[in-house]
Amino acid sequence: MLIWAATGLYMVSMDIHFIHGETLTDDKHATFNIGDATYPISELLARFPTATDIVLYKRLDTLAYRFSVTNSKQSIVVSAQNGNELSLITQSDASHIALASVAEPANIRLTKLIDLPQAMPAELSPRWLPVWQVTFDDLAATTFYIQQSTGQIVTRRHHFWRAFDWMWRFHIMDYDDGENVANPLLTVLAILAVIAIISGVVLLISRFIPVRPSGVNTAEGVAHE
C-alpha cells in the first residue's frame, strides 16, 4: 500500500506533457513557406502512384515530401524543390537536427545509430528503426531518437520519463513489460488491501464504541460495593 501511494504520488505530481517530452524540443527552426515547394504533388503521384500519408516538412535546410508506398515499411523522402530522392541522415545531420531542436541549450554526449532490434533499448519502438540515438549531457540525460530515413524526431526520452515508467510498473506490479494491469500479483494484493481496510474500519469503530459485559447489572454491582 505504501508503494502504491508513493508511486501514485510521483505520477500525479509530474506534468504529463513534460514526461512525454513535449517541452524538450523547440520546433521554430522547422517552419517554412509552403510556396517554396516548387515540385508539384501531381508529379510526385505520377512517379509514386501508391503514395499515401504525404507530408510536407523541413528536413535540415531542405523542404521535402515524406510519404509511404505499398509493400514498404520505410518512408520515402524526396526534395520538394526538384523531386530528387534524399539520402539517409548521417551522424553529423542527426547531431545538427538535435542541437537545432533542443529547447534548453546542452551539449551532445553520444550519437549512435541503432539499426538492429537486439540493440534497441526498451524505451524505443522497433517500428522506428533504424534511428540515430542522440543523448545530451544535461541532468535529465535528454535523448532524441531521430529516424534515419526522414530526419524526424520520433521519440523523446529522459530520466524523469524512465523513472515514471518504473513507477508505473511498481504501481500496477507488472515488472515485465509494464502493460498488464490484470496480473495475478496485483489482483491478490488488491484483495488483501480491501480486507485490510475493512478490518481497520471495524477495529476503529469497535475502539470508540464501549462494549458492556453481558449478564452484569451495573446498578446492582455499584450498590453491593
C-alpha atoms as a PDB file:
ATOM      1  CA  MET A   1       0.000   0.000   0.000  1.00  0.00           C
ATOM      2  CA  LEU A   2       2.934   2.315   0.727  1.00  0.00           C
ATOM      3  CA  ILE A   3       4.392   1.523  -2.699  1.00  0.00           C
ATOM      4  CA  TRP A   4       1.052   2.248  -4.346  1.00  0.00           C
ATOM      5  CA  ALA A   5       0.816   5.591  -2.550  1.00  0.00           C
ATOM      6  CA  ALA A   6       4.426   6.634  -3.270  1.00  0.00           C
ATOM      7  CA  THR A   7       4.373   5.687  -6.938  1.00  0.00           C
ATOM      8  CA  GLY A   8       0.947   7.214  -7.438  1.00  0.00           C
ATOM      9  CA  LEU A   9       2.117  10.441  -5.810  1.00  0.00           C
ATOM     10  CA  TYR A  10       5.098  10.666  -8.186  1.00  0.00           C
ATOM     11  CA  MET A  11       2.930  10.114 -11.239  1.00  0.00           C
ATOM     12  CA  VAL A  12       0.222  12.642 -10.354  1.00  0.00           C
ATOM     13  CA  SER A  13       2.761  15.263  -9.250  1.00  0.00           C
ATOM     14  CA  MET A  14       4.618  15.233 -12.601  1.00  0.00           C
ATOM     15  CA  ASP A  15       3.445  17.271 -15.585  1.00  0.00           C
ATOM     16  CA  ILE A  16       2.464  14.637 -18.155  1.00  0.00           C
ATOM     17  CA  HIS A  17       3.456  16.937 -21.034  1.00  0.00           C
ATOM     18  CA  PHE A  18       6.957  17.142 -19.571  1.00  0.00           C
ATOM     19  CA  ILE A  19       7.047  13.367 -19.074  1.00  0.00           C
ATOM     20  CA  HIS A  20       6.080  12.849 -22.720  1.00  0.00           C
ATOM     21  CA  GLY A  21       8.950  15.126 -23.745  1.00  0.00           C
ATOM     22  CA  GLU A  22       6.760  17.780 -25.331  1.00  0.00           C
ATOM     23  CA  THR A  23       8.692  20.565 -23.599  1.00  0.00           C
ATOM     24  CA  LEU A  24      12.114  19.211 -24.596  1.00  0.00           C
ATOM     25  CA  THR A  25      12.004  20.444 -28.179  1.00  0.00           C
ATOM     26  CA  ASP A  26      11.567  23.779 -29.880  1.00  0.00           C
ATOM     27  CA  ASP A  27      10.424  23.383 -33.490  1.00  0.00           C
ATOM     28  CA  LYS A  28      10.628  27.035 -34.547  1.00  0.00           C
ATOM     29  CA  HIS A  29      13.512  26.201 -36.876  1.00  0.00           C
ATOM     30  CA  ALA A  30      11.227  23.795 -38.757  1.00  0.00           C
ATOM     31  CA  THR A  31       8.816  26.498 -40.013  1.00  0.00           C
ATOM     32  CA  PHE A  32       8.689  27.115 -43.767  1.00  0.00           C
ATOM     33  CA  ASN A  33       6.779  28.859 -46.533  1.00  0.00           C
ATOM     34  CA  ILE A  34       4.541  26.421 -48.391  1.00  0.00           C
ATOM     35  CA  GLY A  35       5.130  28.397 -51.578  1.00  0.00           C
ATOM     36  CA  ASP A  36       8.747  27.201 -51.572  1.00  0.00           C
ATOM     37  CA  ALA A  37       7.561  23.719 -52.522  1.00  0.00           C
ATOM     38  CA  THR A  38       8.043  24.027 -56.288  1.00  0.00           C
ATOM     39  CA  TYR A  39       7.814  20.304 -57.070  1.00  0.00           C
ATOM     40  CA  PRO A  40       4.083  19.645 -57.616  1.00  0.00           C
ATOM     41  CA  ILE A  41       2.181  16.869 -55.876  1.00  0.00           C
ATOM     42  CA  SER A  42       0.802  15.754 -59.255  1.00  0.00           C
ATOM     43  CA  GLU A  43       4.276  14.819 -60.469  1.00  0.00           C
ATOM     44  CA  LEU A  44       5.014  13.066 -57.188  1.00  0.00           C
ATOM     45  CA  LEU A  45       1.862  10.948 -57.545  1.00  0.00           C
ATOM     46  CA  ALA A  46       2.732  10.207 -61.163  1.00  0.00           C
ATOM     47  CA  ARG A  47       6.080   8.752 -60.024  1.00  0.00           C
ATOM     48  CA  PHE A  48       4.665   7.036 -56.939  1.00  0.00           C
ATOM     49  CA  PRO A  49       1.013   6.169 -57.684  1.00  0.00           C
ATOM     50  CA  THR A  50       0.614   4.211 -54.423  1.00  0.00           C
ATOM     51  CA  ALA A  51       1.973   7.028 -52.248  1.00  0.00           C
ATOM     52  CA  THR A  52      -0.041   7.685 -49.072  1.00  0.00           C
ATOM     53  CA  ASP A  53       0.281   9.901 -45.995  1.00  0.00           C
ATOM     54  CA  ILE A  54       2.202  12.576 -47.883  1.00  0.00           C
ATOM     55  CA  VAL A  55       3.680  15.191 -45.545  1.00  0.00           C
ATOM     56  CA  LEU A  56       5.495  18.379 -46.491  1.00  0.00           C
ATOM     57  CA  TYR A  57       8.160  19.274 -43.930  1.00  0.00           C
ATOM     58  CA  LYS A  58      11.588  20.798 -43.448  1.00  0.00           C
ATOM     59  CA  ARG A  59      14.466  18.352 -43.161  1.00  0.00           C
ATOM     60  CA  LEU A  60      17.619  20.184 -42.120  1.00  0.00           C
ATOM     61  CA  ASP A  61      17.651  23.105 -44.587  1.00  0.00           C
ATOM     62  CA  THR A  62      15.723  21.294 -47.308  1.00  0.00           C
ATOM     63  CA  LEU A  63      11.990  21.281 -47.908  1.00  0.00           C
ATOM     64  CA  ALA A  64      10.863  17.702 -48.537  1.00  0.00           C
ATOM     65  CA  TYR A  65       7.935  15.364 -49.049  1.00  0.00           C
ATOM     66  CA  ARG A  66       7.696  12.350 -46.757  1.00  0.00           C
ATOM     67  CA  PHE A  67       5.348   9.517 -47.692  1.00  0.00           C
ATOM     68  CA  SER A  68       4.726   5.780 -47.616  1.00  0.00           C
ATOM     69  CA  VAL A  69       4.193   3.367 -50.504  1.00  0.00           C
ATOM     70  CA  THR A  70       2.525  -0.019 -50.704  1.00  0.00           C
ATOM     71  CA  ASN A  71       4.601  -3.024 -49.596  1.00  0.00           C
ATOM     72  CA  SER A  72       7.305  -0.886 -47.971  1.00  0.00           C
ATOM     73  CA  LYS A  73       7.861  -0.324 -44.274  1.00  0.00           C
ATOM     74  CA  GLN A  74      10.279   2.571 -44.797  1.00  0.00           C
ATOM     75  CA  SER A  75       9.202   6.113 -45.604  1.00  0.00           C
ATOM     76  CA  ILE A  76      10.440   7.696 -48.806  1.00  0.00           C
ATOM     77  CA  VAL A  77      11.707  11.275 -48.757  1.00  0.00           C
ATOM     78  CA  VAL A  78      12.102  13.438 -51.864  1.00  0.00           C
ATOM     79  CA  SER A  79      13.014  17.067 -52.323  1.00  0.00           C
ATOM     80  CA  ALA A  80      10.072  19.441 -52.600  1.00  0.00           C
ATOM     81  CA  GLN A  81      12.137  21.604 -54.962  1.00  0.00           C
ATOM     82  CA  ASN A  82      13.246  19.118 -57.634  1.00  0.00           C
ATOM     83  CA  GLY A  83      11.784  15.715 -56.698  1.00  0.00           C
ATOM     84  CA  ASN A  84      15.157  14.058 -56.147  1.00  0.00           C
ATOM     85  CA  GLU A  85      15.145  11.296 -53.545  1.00  0.00           C
ATOM     86  CA  LEU A  86      17.104  12.390 -50.488  1.00  0.00           C
ATOM     87  CA  SER A  87      19.837  10.326 -48.887  1.00  0.00           C
ATOM     88  CA  LEU A  88      19.738   8.916 -45.384  1.00  0.00           C
ATOM     89  CA  ILE A  89      20.508  11.117 -42.390  1.00  0.00           C
ATOM     90  CA  THR A  90      24.179  10.950 -41.402  1.00  0.00           C
ATOM     91  CA  GLN A  91      25.623  11.169 -37.884  1.00  0.00           C
ATOM     92  CA  SER A  92      26.509  14.815 -38.487  1.00  0.00           C
ATOM     93  CA  ASP A  93      22.986  15.516 -39.753  1.00  0.00           C
ATOM     94  CA  ALA A  94      21.449  13.844 -36.689  1.00  0.00           C
ATOM     95  CA  SER A  95      23.588  15.966 -34.348  1.00  0.00           C
ATOM     96  CA  HIS A  96      22.621  19.109 -36.234  1.00  0.00           C
ATOM     97  CA  ILE A  97      18.905  18.275 -36.019  1.00  0.00           C
ATOM     98  CA  ALA A  98      19.155  17.505 -32.301  1.00  0.00           C
ATOM     99  CA  LEU A  99      21.028  20.719 -31.463  1.00  0.00           C
ATOM    100  CA  ALA A 100      18.585  22.795 -33.511  1.00  0.00           C
ATOM    101  CA  SER A 101      15.582  21.145 -31.840  1.00  0.00           C
ATOM    102  CA  VAL A 102      16.515  21.004 -28.148  1.00  0.00           C
ATOM    103  CA  ALA A 103      14.641  23.603 -26.088  1.00  0.00           C
ATOM    104  CA  GLU A 104      17.348  24.203 -23.482  1.00  0.00           C
ATOM    105  CA  PRO A 105      20.967  24.592 -24.660  1.00  0.00           C
ATOM    106  CA  ALA A 106      23.007  21.448 -23.995  1.00  0.00           C
ATOM    107  CA  ASN A 107      25.979  19.581 -25.392  1.00  0.00           C
ATOM    108  CA  ILE A 108      25.745  16.210 -27.096  1.00  0.00           C
ATOM    109  CA  ARG A 109      27.334  13.370 -25.131  1.00  0.00           C
ATOM    110  CA  LEU A 110      26.603  10.484 -27.503  1.00  0.00           C
ATOM    111  CA  THR A 111      25.327   9.914 -31.031  1.00  0.00           C
ATOM    112  CA  LYS A 112      24.754   6.300 -32.003  1.00  0.00           C
ATOM    113  CA  LEU A 113      22.986   4.508 -34.863  1.00  0.00           C
ATOM    114  CA  ILE A 114      20.539   1.784 -33.824  1.00  0.00           C
ATOM    115  CA  ASP A 115      19.503  -0.424 -36.732  1.00  0.00           C
ATOM    116  CA  LEU A 116      19.008  -3.862 -35.164  1.00  0.00           C
ATOM    117  CA  PRO A 117      16.151  -4.903 -32.837  1.00  0.00           C
ATOM    118  CA  GLN A 118      18.550  -6.668 -30.469  1.00  0.00           C
ATOM    119  CA  ALA A 119      20.479  -3.428 -29.964  1.00  0.00           C
ATOM    120  CA  MET A 120      17.315  -1.433 -29.318  1.00  0.00           C
ATOM    121  CA  PRO A 121      16.606  -0.079 -25.806  1.00  0.00           C
ATOM    122  CA  ALA A 122      13.259  -0.947 -24.229  1.00  0.00           C
ATOM    123  CA  GLU A 123      12.147   2.701 -24.394  1.00  0.00           C
ATOM    124  CA  LEU A 124      12.124   2.667 -28.215  1.00  0.00           C
ATOM    125  CA  SER A 125       9.541   1.081 -30.513  1.00  0.00           C
ATOM    126  CA  PRO A 126      11.006  -1.185 -33.232  1.00  0.00           C
ATOM    127  CA  ARG A 127       8.787   0.411 -35.888  1.00  0.00           C
ATOM    128  CA  TRP A 128      11.112   3.429 -35.987  1.00  0.00           C
ATOM    129  CA  LEU A 129      14.302   1.526 -36.835  1.00  0.00           C
ATOM    130  CA  PRO A 130      16.830   2.488 -37.984  1.00  0.00           C
ATOM    131  CA  VAL A 131      17.263   5.583 -35.799  1.00  0.00           C
ATOM    132  CA  TRP A 132      20.008   7.827 -34.503  1.00  0.00           C
ATOM    133  CA  GLN A 133      20.131   7.973 -30.716  1.00  0.00           C
ATOM    134  CA  VAL A 134      21.338  11.408 -29.615  1.00  0.00           C
ATOM    135  CA  THR A 135      21.944  11.860 -25.878  1.00  0.00           C
ATOM    136  CA  PHE A 136      22.693  15.205 -24.242  1.00  0.00           C
ATOM    137  CA  ASP A 137      24.859  15.804 -21.186  1.00  0.00           C
ATOM    138  CA  ASP A 138      22.159  17.579 -19.164  1.00  0.00           C
ATOM    139  CA  LEU A 139      20.915  16.445 -15.741  1.00  0.00           C
ATOM    140  CA  ALA A 140      17.975  14.506 -17.203  1.00  0.00           C
ATOM    141  CA  ALA A 141      20.094  12.825 -19.928  1.00  0.00           C
ATOM    142  CA  THR A 142      17.681  14.071 -22.590  1.00  0.00           C
ATOM    143  CA  THR A 143      17.630  11.648 -25.508  1.00  0.00           C
ATOM    144  CA  PHE A 144      16.247  12.164 -29.009  1.00  0.00           C
ATOM    145  CA  TYR A 145      15.619   9.288 -31.398  1.00  0.00           C
ATOM    146  CA  ILE A 146      15.889  10.576 -34.966  1.00  0.00           C
ATOM    147  CA  GLN A 147      14.690   8.358 -37.794  1.00  0.00           C
ATOM    148  CA  GLN A 148      17.476   7.785 -40.274  1.00  0.00           C
ATOM    149  CA  SER A 149      15.278   7.903 -43.370  1.00  0.00           C
ATOM    150  CA  THR A 150      13.226  11.008 -42.560  1.00  0.00           C
ATOM    151  CA  GLY A 151      15.268  13.021 -40.057  1.00  0.00           C
ATOM    152  CA  GLN A 152      12.213  13.290 -37.791  1.00  0.00           C
ATOM    153  CA  ILE A 153      12.472  13.135 -34.000  1.00  0.00           C
ATOM    154  CA  VAL A 154      10.181  10.170 -33.425  1.00  0.00           C
ATOM    155  CA  THR A 155      10.720   9.664 -29.674  1.00  0.00           C
ATOM    156  CA  ARG A 156      11.947  11.799 -26.767  1.00  0.00           C
ATOM    157  CA  ARG A 157      13.163  10.293 -23.510  1.00  0.00           C
ATOM    158  CA  HIS A 158      14.823  11.468 -20.282  1.00  0.00           C
ATOM    159  CA  HIS A 159      15.479  10.186 -16.746  1.00  0.00           C
ATOM    160  CA  PHE A 160      12.192  11.552 -15.399  1.00  0.00           C
ATOM    161  CA  TRP A 161      10.291   9.590 -18.052  1.00  0.00           C
ATOM    162  CA  ARG A 162      12.308   6.465 -17.239  1.00  0.00           C
ATOM    163  CA  ALA A 163      11.521   6.923 -13.531  1.00  0.00           C
ATOM    164  CA  PHE A 164       7.843   7.431 -14.440  1.00  0.00           C
ATOM    165  CA  ASP A 165       7.906   4.173 -16.397  1.00  0.00           C
ATOM    166  CA  TRP A 166       9.262   2.258 -13.389  1.00  0.00           C
ATOM    167  CA  MET A 167       6.816   3.967 -11.054  1.00  0.00           C
ATOM    168  CA  TRP A 168       4.011   2.750 -13.297  1.00  0.00           C
ATOM    169  CA  ARG A 169       5.403  -0.799 -13.207  1.00  0.00           C
ATOM    170  CA  PHE A 170       5.572  -0.738  -9.420  1.00  0.00           C
ATOM    171  CA  HIS A 171       2.102   0.787  -9.259  1.00  0.00           C
ATOM    172  CA  ILE A 172       0.457  -1.983 -11.293  1.00  0.00           C
ATOM    173  CA  MET A 173       3.007  -4.602 -10.120  1.00  0.00           C
ATOM    174  CA  ASP A 174       3.863  -5.792 -13.604  1.00  0.00           C
ATOM    175  CA  TYR A 175       7.646  -5.933 -13.810  1.00  0.00           C
ATOM    176  CA  ASP A 176       7.823  -7.493 -17.269  1.00  0.00           C
ATOM    177  CA  ASP A 177       6.540  -5.027 -19.846  1.00  0.00           C
ATOM    178  CA  GLY A 178       4.542  -2.683 -17.589  1.00  0.00           C
ATOM    179  CA  GLU A 179       1.323  -3.115 -19.543  1.00  0.00           C
ATOM    180  CA  ASN A 180      -0.639  -5.892 -17.817  1.00  0.00           C
ATOM    181  CA  VAL A 181      -2.899  -4.244 -15.245  1.00  0.00           C
ATOM    182  CA  ALA A 182      -4.757  -7.519 -14.653  1.00  0.00           C
ATOM    183  CA  ASN A 183      -1.784  -9.560 -13.457  1.00  0.00           C
ATOM    184  CA  PRO A 184      -2.336 -12.059 -10.580  1.00  0.00           C
ATOM    185  CA  LEU A 185       0.023 -10.301  -8.150  1.00  0.00           C
ATOM    186  CA  LEU A 186      -1.897  -7.025  -8.378  1.00  0.00           C
ATOM    187  CA  THR A 187      -5.225  -8.851  -8.057  1.00  0.00           C
ATOM    188  CA  VAL A 188      -4.160 -10.730  -4.904  1.00  0.00           C
ATOM    189  CA  LEU A 189      -2.682  -7.656  -3.235  1.00  0.00           C
ATOM    190  CA  ALA A 190      -5.716  -5.541  -4.155  1.00  0.00           C
ATOM    191  CA  ILE A 191      -7.960  -8.107  -2.414  1.00  0.00           C
ATOM    192  CA  LEU A 192      -5.666  -8.125   0.629  1.00  0.00           C
ATOM    193  CA  ALA A 193      -5.738  -4.319   0.695  1.00  0.00           C
ATOM    194  CA  VAL A 194      -9.542  -4.295   0.689  1.00  0.00           C
ATOM    195  CA  ILE A 195      -9.588  -6.826   3.533  1.00  0.00           C
ATOM    196  CA  ALA A 196      -7.066  -4.726   5.493  1.00  0.00           C
ATOM    197  CA  ILE A 197      -9.121  -1.568   5.015  1.00  0.00           C
ATOM    198  CA  ILE A 198     -12.372  -3.237   6.070  1.00  0.00           C
ATOM    199  CA  SER A 199     -10.769  -4.796   9.146  1.00  0.00           C
ATOM    200  CA  GLY A 200      -9.225  -1.443  10.023  1.00  0.00           C
ATOM    201  CA  VAL A 201     -12.621   0.273   9.824  1.00  0.00           C
ATOM    202  CA  VAL A 202     -14.170  -2.426  12.034  1.00  0.00           C
ATOM    203  CA  LEU A 203     -11.390  -2.070  14.610  1.00  0.00           C
ATOM    204  CA  LEU A 204     -11.724   1.714  14.582  1.00  0.00           C
ATOM    205  CA  ILE A 205     -15.472   1.541  15.208  1.00  0.00           C
ATOM    206  CA  SER A 206     -15.065  -1.032  17.974  1.00  0.00           C
ATOM    207  CA  ARG A 207     -12.418   1.157  19.633  1.00  0.00           C
ATOM    208  CA  PHE A 208     -14.845   4.049  20.123  1.00  0.00           C
ATOM    209  CA  ILE A 209     -17.982   2.071  20.977  1.00  0.00           C
ATOM    210  CA  PRO A 210     -17.833   0.766  24.572  1.00  0.00           C
ATOM    211  CA  VAL A 211     -18.895  -2.846  24.942  1.00  0.00           C
ATOM    212  CA  ARG A 212     -20.785  -3.800  28.153  1.00  0.00           C
ATOM    213  CA  PRO A 213     -20.195  -7.315  29.504  1.00  0.00           C
ATOM    214  CA  SER A 214     -23.287  -9.451  29.026  1.00  0.00           C
ATOM    215  CA  GLY A 215     -25.337 -10.576  32.103  1.00  0.00           C
ATOM    216  CA  VAL A 216     -23.949  -7.910  34.508  1.00  0.00           C
ATOM    217  CA  ASN A 217     -26.278  -5.416  36.216  1.00  0.00           C
ATOM    218  CA  THR A 218     -24.183  -2.283  36.629  1.00  0.00           C
ATOM    219  CA  ALA A 219     -26.540  -0.661  39.188  1.00  0.00           C
ATOM    220  CA  GLU A 220     -26.570  -3.732  41.461  1.00  0.00           C
ATOM    221  CA  GLY A 221     -22.839  -4.022  41.284  1.00  0.00           C
ATOM    222  CA  VAL A 222     -22.356  -0.476  42.468  1.00  0.00           C
ATOM    223  CA  ALA A 223     -24.849  -0.896  45.337  1.00  0.00           C
ATOM    224  CA  HIS A 224     -23.169  -4.075  46.517  1.00  0.00           C
ATOM    225  CA  GLU A 225     -19.806  -2.331  46.655  1.00  0.00           C
END
